[in-house]
Amino acid sequence: MSRYLRRSGFFGSSLSRRFTASDGGEYKWEFRARSGQEWSCMIEDTVIAHYDVSATGAALVIESEFANLTVELVTTLLIMRHIEKYNL
């Protein structure tokens, strides 16, 4: 897992990790980095997906031009949520 989801920086938080997707792009998940978003996935400084939790439920929103990465985004989000839950 550490080879697939790498910490964003040497001293970076475990809740900010990057991965290289099948399209060759390097994406980064961050926990509560943007207002109103529990998790944000970015390429450079552009949010391409975000996961939001509210009293009525949760939603993962993926920008349509990145729909081809849905499986990778869902998988990495689940891993990131596991990392956060168990303080890994």
Foldseek 3Di string as FASTA:
>chain_A
DCVAWPAPDPPHAPQWTWGQAPVRFIKIWHAPPDPQFRIFIDGPPDTQWTWGQDPVGIDIDGHPVCVVCVVVVVVVVVVSVVCVVVVD
